[in-house]
Amino acid sequence: MSTVRVYIDGRGVDAPAGGTVLDAVRVSDPAAAEEVSAGRRALTDSRGIPAPADAQVYDGAIFRLVAVRERAGDRASGR
């Protein structure tokens, strides 16, 4: 299997070529991947722009794991 080098929270990871960001996180930290899948954490690119977990990775890509925070409107509506 061929791999690409991506960075998750500053740590280099050899992720499956053609795989997703979630696949790369799973290689780096399986527990964090479960948190992303459960919606407790989210992903951003190097600029802080949200990155879909199902986006395809490419060599040199940089991603960060971030906490999912409750919005003020969510508290009022009971979400």
N, C-alpha and C. Protein backbone atom coordinates (compact mmCIF):
# COMPACT_ATOMS: atom_id res chain seq x y z
N MET A 1 0.85 -1.17 0.00
CA MET A 1 0.00 0.00 0.00
C MET A 1 0.90 1.23 0.00
N SER A 2 0.55 2.18 -0.81
CA SER A 2 1.33 3.40 -0.86
C SER A 2 0.76 4.41 0.14
N THR A 3 1.63 5.28 0.61
CA THR A 3 1.23 6.25 1.64
C THR A 3 1.61 7.67 1.22
N VAL A 4 0.99 8.63 1.90
CA VAL A 4 1.35 10.03 1.76
C VAL A 4 1.66 10.55 3.16
N ARG A 5 2.54 11.53 3.22
CA ARG A 5 2.91 12.11 4.51
C ARG A 5 2.01 13.31 4.77
N VAL A 6 1.23 13.23 5.85
CA VAL A 6 0.38 14.34 6.28
C VAL A 6 0.72 14.66 7.73
N TYR A 7 0.21 15.76 8.20
CA TYR A 7 0.51 16.20 9.56
C TYR A 7 -0.80 16.42 10.31
N ILE A 8 -0.91 15.75 11.45
CA ILE A 8 -2.07 15.87 12.32
C ILE A 8 -1.56 16.48 13.62
N ASP A 9 -2.04 17.67 13.94
CA ASP A 9 -1.59 18.38 15.15
C ASP A 9 -0.07 18.46 15.22
N GLY A 10 0.57 18.70 14.07
CA GLY A 10 2.01 18.88 14.04
C GLY A 10 2.83 17.60 14.00
N ARG A 11 2.16 16.48 14.05
CA ARG A 11 2.85 15.19 14.05
C ARG A 11 2.76 14.54 12.67
N GLY A 12 3.90 14.16 12.11
CA GLY A 12 3.91 13.51 10.81
C GLY A 12 3.30 12.13 10.86
N VAL A 13 2.46 11.83 9.87
CA VAL A 13 1.76 10.55 9.80
C VAL A 13 1.85 10.03 8.37
N ASP A 14 2.17 8.76 8.22
CA ASP A 14 2.12 8.12 6.90
C ASP A 14 0.73 7.52 6.75
N ALA A 15 -0.11 8.23 6.00
CA ALA A 15 -1.51 7.83 5.82
C ALA A 15 -1.68 7.13 4.48
N PRO A 16 -2.71 6.30 4.37
CA PRO A 16 -2.94 5.61 3.09
C PRO A 16 -3.20 6.60 1.95
N ALA A 17 -2.48 6.44 0.86
CA ALA A 17 -2.73 7.27 -0.32
C ALA A 17 -4.15 7.01 -0.80
N GLY A 18 -4.88 8.06 -1.09
CA GLY A 18 -6.27 7.92 -1.51
C GLY A 18 -7.22 7.82 -0.34
N GLY A 19 -6.68 7.85 0.88
CA GLY A 19 -7.52 7.76 2.07
C GLY A 19 -8.10 9.12 2.45
N THR A 20 -8.86 9.12 3.52
CA THR A 20 -9.52 10.33 3.99
C THR A 20 -8.76 10.93 5.17
N VAL A 21 -9.17 12.13 5.52
CA VAL A 21 -8.59 12.77 6.70
C VAL A 21 -8.85 11.91 7.92
N LEU A 22 -10.05 11.35 8.04
CA LEU A 22 -10.36 10.49 9.17
C LEU A 22 -9.45 9.26 9.19
N ASP A 23 -9.13 8.71 8.04
CA ASP A 23 -8.18 7.58 7.98
C ASP A 23 -6.82 8.00 8.54
N ALA A 24 -6.38 9.20 8.20
CA ALA A 24 -5.09 9.69 8.69
C ALA A 24 -5.13 9.88 10.21
N VAL A 25 -6.23 10.41 10.71
CA VAL A 25 -6.37 10.59 12.16
C VAL A 25 -6.37 9.22 12.84
N ARG A 26 -7.03 8.26 12.23
CA ARG A 26 -7.08 6.90 12.79
C ARG A 26 -5.68 6.31 12.91
N VAL A 27 -4.81 6.57 11.93
CA VAL A 27 -3.43 6.09 12.00
C VAL A 27 -2.69 6.80 13.13
N SER A 28 -2.92 8.09 13.26
CA SER A 28 -2.23 8.90 14.26
C SER A 28 -2.71 8.64 15.68
N ASP A 29 -4.05 8.58 15.85
CA ASP A 29 -4.63 8.48 17.19
C ASP A 29 -6.04 7.88 17.08
N PRO A 30 -6.17 6.56 17.21
CA PRO A 30 -7.48 5.92 17.05
C PRO A 30 -8.56 6.49 17.98
N ALA A 31 -8.20 6.86 19.20
CA ALA A 31 -9.20 7.42 20.12
C ALA A 31 -9.71 8.77 19.61
N ALA A 32 -8.82 9.58 19.06
CA ALA A 32 -9.23 10.87 18.50
C ALA A 32 -10.14 10.65 17.29
N ALA A 33 -9.85 9.64 16.49
CA ALA A 33 -10.70 9.34 15.33
C ALA A 33 -12.11 8.97 15.79
N GLU A 34 -12.22 8.24 16.88
CA GLU A 34 -13.55 7.91 17.41
C GLU A 34 -14.27 9.16 17.88
N GLU A 35 -13.54 10.11 18.47
CA GLU A 35 -14.16 11.37 18.91
C GLU A 35 -14.66 12.18 17.72
N VAL A 36 -13.90 12.18 16.62
CA VAL A 36 -14.34 12.86 15.41
C VAL A 36 -15.60 12.19 14.87
N SER A 37 -15.59 10.87 14.82
CA SER A 37 -16.76 10.12 14.32
C SER A 37 -18.00 10.38 15.17
N ALA A 38 -17.79 10.55 16.47
CA ALA A 38 -18.92 10.78 17.39
C ALA A 38 -19.35 12.24 17.44
N GLY A 39 -18.60 13.12 16.76
CA GLY A 39 -18.97 14.53 16.74
C GLY A 39 -18.46 15.33 17.93
N ARG A 40 -17.60 14.75 18.74
CA ARG A 40 -17.04 15.47 19.90
C ARG A 40 -15.82 16.30 19.54
N ARG A 41 -15.20 15.98 18.41
CA ARG A 41 -14.06 16.76 17.90
C ARG A 41 -14.28 17.00 16.42
N ALA A 42 -13.64 18.02 15.91
CA ALA A 42 -13.74 18.36 14.49
C ALA A 42 -12.33 18.54 13.94
N LEU A 43 -12.26 18.72 12.64
CA LEU A 43 -10.98 18.88 11.95
C LEU A 43 -10.93 20.21 11.24
N THR A 44 -9.75 20.83 11.24
CA THR A 44 -9.53 22.02 10.43
C THR A 44 -8.27 21.80 9.61
N ASP A 45 -8.14 22.62 8.56
CA ASP A 45 -6.89 22.58 7.81
C ASP A 45 -5.89 23.52 8.47
N SER A 46 -4.79 23.75 7.84
CA SER A 46 -3.72 24.56 8.44
C SER A 46 -4.14 26.01 8.67
N ARG A 47 -5.19 26.46 7.97
CA ARG A 47 -5.65 27.84 8.11
C ARG A 47 -6.76 27.98 9.13
N GLY A 48 -7.19 26.86 9.70
CA GLY A 48 -8.30 26.89 10.66
C GLY A 48 -9.66 26.76 10.02
N ILE A 49 -9.70 26.47 8.74
CA ILE A 49 -10.96 26.28 8.03
C ILE A 49 -11.42 24.84 8.24
N PRO A 50 -12.71 24.65 8.58
CA PRO A 50 -13.19 23.28 8.81
C PRO A 50 -12.86 22.36 7.62
N ALA A 51 -12.40 21.17 7.95
CA ALA A 51 -12.07 20.16 6.94
C ALA A 51 -12.99 18.97 7.13
N PRO A 52 -13.70 18.56 6.09
CA PRO A 52 -14.56 17.38 6.21
C PRO A 52 -13.74 16.13 6.50
N ALA A 53 -14.23 15.29 7.38
CA ALA A 53 -13.52 14.06 7.73
C ALA A 53 -13.36 13.13 6.53
N ASP A 54 -14.25 13.27 5.54
CA ASP A 54 -14.19 12.38 4.38
C ASP A 54 -13.41 12.98 3.21
N ALA A 55 -12.74 14.13 3.44
CA ALA A 55 -11.92 14.72 2.38
C ALA A 55 -10.69 13.84 2.14
N GLN A 56 -10.27 13.77 0.89
CA GLN A 56 -9.10 12.96 0.55
C GLN A 56 -7.83 13.68 0.98
N VAL A 57 -6.89 12.93 1.54
CA VAL A 57 -5.60 13.50 1.95
C VAL A 57 -4.66 13.59 0.76
N TYR A 58 -3.67 14.45 0.90
CA TYR A 58 -2.64 14.58 -0.12
C TYR A 58 -1.31 14.84 0.60
N ASP A 59 -0.24 14.57 -0.08
CA ASP A 59 1.09 14.68 0.51
C ASP A 59 1.34 16.11 1.01
N GLY A 60 1.73 16.22 2.28
CA GLY A 60 2.05 17.51 2.87
C GLY A 60 0.88 18.23 3.52
N ALA A 61 -0.31 17.65 3.46
CA ALA A 61 -1.49 18.29 4.05
C ALA A 61 -1.33 18.42 5.56
N ILE A 62 -1.88 19.49 6.11
CA ILE A 62 -1.81 19.76 7.54
C ILE A 62 -3.23 19.87 8.09
N PHE A 63 -3.50 19.13 9.16
CA PHE A 63 -4.81 19.16 9.79
C PHE A 63 -4.65 19.30 11.30
N ARG A 64 -5.65 19.88 11.90
CA ARG A 64 -5.66 20.02 13.36
C ARG A 64 -6.98 19.48 13.90
N LEU A 65 -6.89 18.86 15.06
CA LEU A 65 -8.09 18.42 15.78
C LEU A 65 -8.50 19.54 16.72
N VAL A 66 -9.78 19.86 16.71
CA VAL A 66 -10.29 20.90 17.59
C VAL A 66 -11.51 20.38 18.34
N ALA A 67 -11.76 20.99 19.49
CA ALA A 67 -12.94 20.62 20.29
C ALA A 67 -14.19 21.17 19.60
N VAL A 68 -15.26 20.43 19.69
CA VAL A 68 -16.55 20.91 19.21
C VAL A 68 -17.20 21.62 20.38
N ARG A 69 -17.51 22.87 20.19
CA ARG A 69 -18.09 23.67 21.27
C ARG A 69 -19.57 23.89 21.02
N GLU A 70 -20.30 23.89 22.10
CA GLU A 70 -21.73 24.16 22.04
C GLU A 70 -21.94 25.64 21.73
N ARG A 71 -22.84 25.93 20.80
CA ARG A 71 -23.17 27.31 20.48
C ARG A 71 -24.24 27.80 21.45
N ALA A 72 -24.28 29.09 21.68
CA ALA A 72 -25.23 29.69 22.61
C ALA A 72 -26.66 29.31 22.24
N GLY A 73 -27.00 29.30 20.99
CA GLY A 73 -28.34 28.95 20.54
C GLY A 73 -28.69 27.50 20.81
N ASP A 74 -27.68 26.62 20.84
CA ASP A 74 -27.91 25.21 21.11
C ASP A 74 -28.37 25.00 22.55
N ARG A 75 -27.83 25.78 23.49
CA ARG A 75 -28.24 25.64 24.89
C ARG A 75 -29.70 26.03 25.07
N ALA A 76 -30.09 27.10 24.43
CA ALA A 76 -31.47 27.59 24.58
C ALA A 76 -32.48 26.63 23.96
N SER A 77 -32.09 25.96 22.88
CA SER A 77 -33.03 25.08 22.21
C SER A 77 -32.96 23.65 22.73
N GLY A 78 -32.04 23.39 23.65
CA GLY A 78 -31.94 22.05 24.24
C GLY A 78 -31.17 21.07 23.39
N ARG A 79 -30.43 21.52 22.39
CA ARG A 79 -29.63 20.63 21.55
C ARG A 79 -28.40 20.17 22.24
